[in-house]
Amino acid sequence: MSVISMKQLLEAGVHFGHQTRRWNPKMAPYIYTERNGIYIIDLQKSVGMVDDAYKAV
């Protein structure tokens, strides 16, 4: 089970990324889509990364 749920991430607004003109190409695998000039982060990948970070700490 995840430490934090996808619903909690959505409610916190974690899925909102940077403006499309200010981005790092290394983030490309984690971008879900672009909407209104802002990148939307893939929360399915984020949940897994949060779990990995939690286990490391």
N, C-alpha and C. Protein backbone atom coordinates (compact mmCIF):
# COMPACT_ATOMS: atom_id res chain seq x y z
N MET A 1 0.84 -1.18 0.00
CA MET A 1 0.00 0.00 0.00
C MET A 1 0.89 1.25 0.00
N SER A 2 0.44 2.27 -0.69
CA SER A 2 1.20 3.50 -0.80
C SER A 2 1.17 4.32 0.48
N VAL A 3 2.23 5.06 0.70
CA VAL A 3 2.32 5.96 1.84
C VAL A 3 1.33 7.11 1.66
N ILE A 4 1.20 7.55 0.44
CA ILE A 4 0.29 8.64 0.10
C ILE A 4 -0.52 8.21 -1.12
N SER A 5 -1.78 8.56 -1.14
CA SER A 5 -2.64 8.11 -2.23
C SER A 5 -2.63 9.11 -3.38
N MET A 6 -3.06 8.64 -4.54
CA MET A 6 -3.15 9.51 -5.70
C MET A 6 -4.18 10.62 -5.45
N LYS A 7 -5.24 10.29 -4.72
CA LYS A 7 -6.26 11.30 -4.39
C LYS A 7 -5.65 12.43 -3.57
N GLN A 8 -4.80 12.09 -2.61
CA GLN A 8 -4.15 13.12 -1.79
C GLN A 8 -3.23 13.99 -2.64
N LEU A 9 -2.53 13.38 -3.59
CA LEU A 9 -1.66 14.16 -4.48
C LEU A 9 -2.49 15.11 -5.33
N LEU A 10 -3.61 14.63 -5.85
CA LEU A 10 -4.49 15.49 -6.66
C LEU A 10 -5.02 16.66 -5.84
N GLU A 11 -5.49 16.38 -4.63
CA GLU A 11 -6.03 17.43 -3.78
C GLU A 11 -4.98 18.48 -3.43
N ALA A 12 -3.73 18.05 -3.32
CA ALA A 12 -2.64 18.97 -3.00
C ALA A 12 -2.15 19.75 -4.22
N GLY A 13 -2.61 19.36 -5.41
CA GLY A 13 -2.21 20.06 -6.63
C GLY A 13 -0.82 19.70 -7.11
N VAL A 14 -0.35 18.53 -6.71
CA VAL A 14 0.99 18.10 -7.08
C VAL A 14 1.13 17.91 -8.59
N HIS A 15 0.03 17.64 -9.27
CA HIS A 15 0.09 17.34 -10.69
C HIS A 15 0.38 18.56 -11.56
N PHE A 16 0.28 19.76 -11.01
CA PHE A 16 0.57 20.96 -11.78
C PHE A 16 2.07 21.18 -11.83
N GLY A 17 2.61 21.24 -13.04
CA GLY A 17 4.05 21.43 -13.21
C GLY A 17 4.38 22.86 -13.60
N HIS A 18 5.51 23.03 -14.24
CA HIS A 18 5.97 24.34 -14.68
C HIS A 18 5.28 24.75 -15.97
N GLN A 19 5.46 26.02 -16.32
CA GLN A 19 4.99 26.50 -17.61
C GLN A 19 5.76 25.77 -18.70
N THR A 20 5.12 25.61 -19.85
CA THR A 20 5.74 24.83 -20.92
C THR A 20 7.03 25.46 -21.43
N ARG A 21 7.19 26.74 -21.29
CA ARG A 21 8.43 27.37 -21.77
C ARG A 21 9.58 27.24 -20.78
N ARG A 22 9.29 26.78 -19.56
CA ARG A 22 10.31 26.62 -18.51
C ARG A 22 10.35 25.18 -18.06
N TRP A 23 11.03 24.35 -18.79
CA TRP A 23 11.04 22.95 -18.42
C TRP A 23 12.42 22.36 -18.63
N ASN A 24 12.67 21.29 -17.94
CA ASN A 24 13.93 20.57 -18.05
C ASN A 24 13.65 19.30 -18.86
N PRO A 25 14.37 19.09 -19.95
CA PRO A 25 14.13 17.92 -20.79
C PRO A 25 14.25 16.59 -20.04
N LYS A 26 14.97 16.55 -18.92
CA LYS A 26 15.07 15.32 -18.14
C LYS A 26 13.75 14.95 -17.49
N MET A 27 12.81 15.87 -17.43
CA MET A 27 11.50 15.61 -16.84
C MET A 27 10.51 15.00 -17.84
N ALA A 28 10.89 14.90 -19.10
CA ALA A 28 9.99 14.42 -20.15
C ALA A 28 9.30 13.10 -19.81
N PRO A 29 9.98 12.11 -19.22
CA PRO A 29 9.29 10.85 -18.91
C PRO A 29 8.20 10.99 -17.85
N TYR A 30 8.23 12.07 -17.09
CA TYR A 30 7.28 12.25 -15.99
C TYR A 30 6.14 13.20 -16.33
N ILE A 31 6.14 13.74 -17.54
CA ILE A 31 5.09 14.65 -17.97
C ILE A 31 3.97 13.85 -18.61
N TYR A 32 2.76 14.05 -18.10
CA TYR A 32 1.60 13.33 -18.61
C TYR A 32 1.04 14.02 -19.86
N THR A 33 0.83 15.34 -19.77
CA THR A 33 0.30 16.11 -20.89
C THR A 33 0.56 17.58 -20.64
N GLU A 34 0.13 18.42 -21.56
CA GLU A 34 0.23 19.87 -21.44
C GLU A 34 -1.17 20.44 -21.54
N ARG A 35 -1.49 21.37 -20.66
CA ARG A 35 -2.81 21.99 -20.69
C ARG A 35 -2.68 23.46 -20.31
N ASN A 36 -3.18 24.32 -21.19
CA ASN A 36 -3.17 25.78 -20.95
C ASN A 36 -1.78 26.32 -20.62
N GLY A 37 -0.78 25.82 -21.30
CA GLY A 37 0.58 26.32 -21.11
C GLY A 37 1.30 25.79 -19.88
N ILE A 38 0.72 24.77 -19.22
CA ILE A 38 1.33 24.18 -18.02
C ILE A 38 1.42 22.67 -18.22
N TYR A 39 2.55 22.11 -17.84
CA TYR A 39 2.69 20.66 -17.91
C TYR A 39 1.97 20.01 -16.74
N ILE A 40 1.34 18.88 -17.02
CA ILE A 40 0.66 18.09 -16.00
C ILE A 40 1.54 16.88 -15.73
N ILE A 41 1.89 16.69 -14.46
CA ILE A 41 2.79 15.62 -14.05
C ILE A 41 2.03 14.29 -13.96
N ASP A 42 2.67 13.21 -14.36
CA ASP A 42 2.09 11.87 -14.28
C ASP A 42 2.10 11.40 -12.83
N LEU A 43 0.94 11.37 -12.20
CA LEU A 43 0.86 11.03 -10.78
C LEU A 43 1.08 9.54 -10.52
N GLN A 44 0.83 8.69 -11.50
CA GLN A 44 1.09 7.27 -11.29
C GLN A 44 2.58 7.03 -11.05
N LYS A 45 3.41 7.73 -11.79
CA LYS A 45 4.85 7.62 -11.58
C LYS A 45 5.27 8.32 -10.29
N SER A 46 4.60 9.41 -9.97
CA SER A 46 4.93 10.17 -8.76
C SER A 46 4.67 9.36 -7.50
N VAL A 47 3.56 8.63 -7.46
CA VAL A 47 3.23 7.82 -6.29
C VAL A 47 4.34 6.80 -6.04
N GLY A 48 4.81 6.17 -7.08
CA GLY A 48 5.89 5.19 -6.94
C GLY A 48 7.17 5.82 -6.43
N MET A 49 7.49 7.01 -6.93
CA MET A 49 8.71 7.70 -6.50
C MET A 49 8.60 8.16 -5.04
N VAL A 50 7.41 8.60 -4.62
CA VAL A 50 7.22 9.00 -3.22
C VAL A 50 7.42 7.79 -2.32
N ASP A 51 6.90 6.64 -2.72
CA ASP A 51 7.08 5.42 -1.93
C ASP A 51 8.56 5.05 -1.82
N ASP A 52 9.29 5.14 -2.93
CA ASP A 52 10.73 4.84 -2.92
C ASP A 52 11.48 5.79 -1.98
N ALA A 53 11.14 7.08 -2.04
CA ALA A 53 11.79 8.06 -1.17
C ALA A 53 11.47 7.78 0.29
N TYR A 54 10.23 7.41 0.57
CA TYR A 54 9.82 7.11 1.95
C TYR A 54 10.61 5.92 2.50
N LYS A 55 10.79 4.90 1.68
CA LYS A 55 11.53 3.72 2.12
C LYS A 55 13.01 4.05 2.37
N ALA A 56 13.56 4.97 1.57
CA ALA A 56 14.96 5.34 1.71
C ALA A 56 15.21 6.14 2.99
N VAL A 57 14.22 6.89 3.39
CA VAL A 57 14.37 7.72 4.59
C VAL A 57 14.05 6.89 5.79
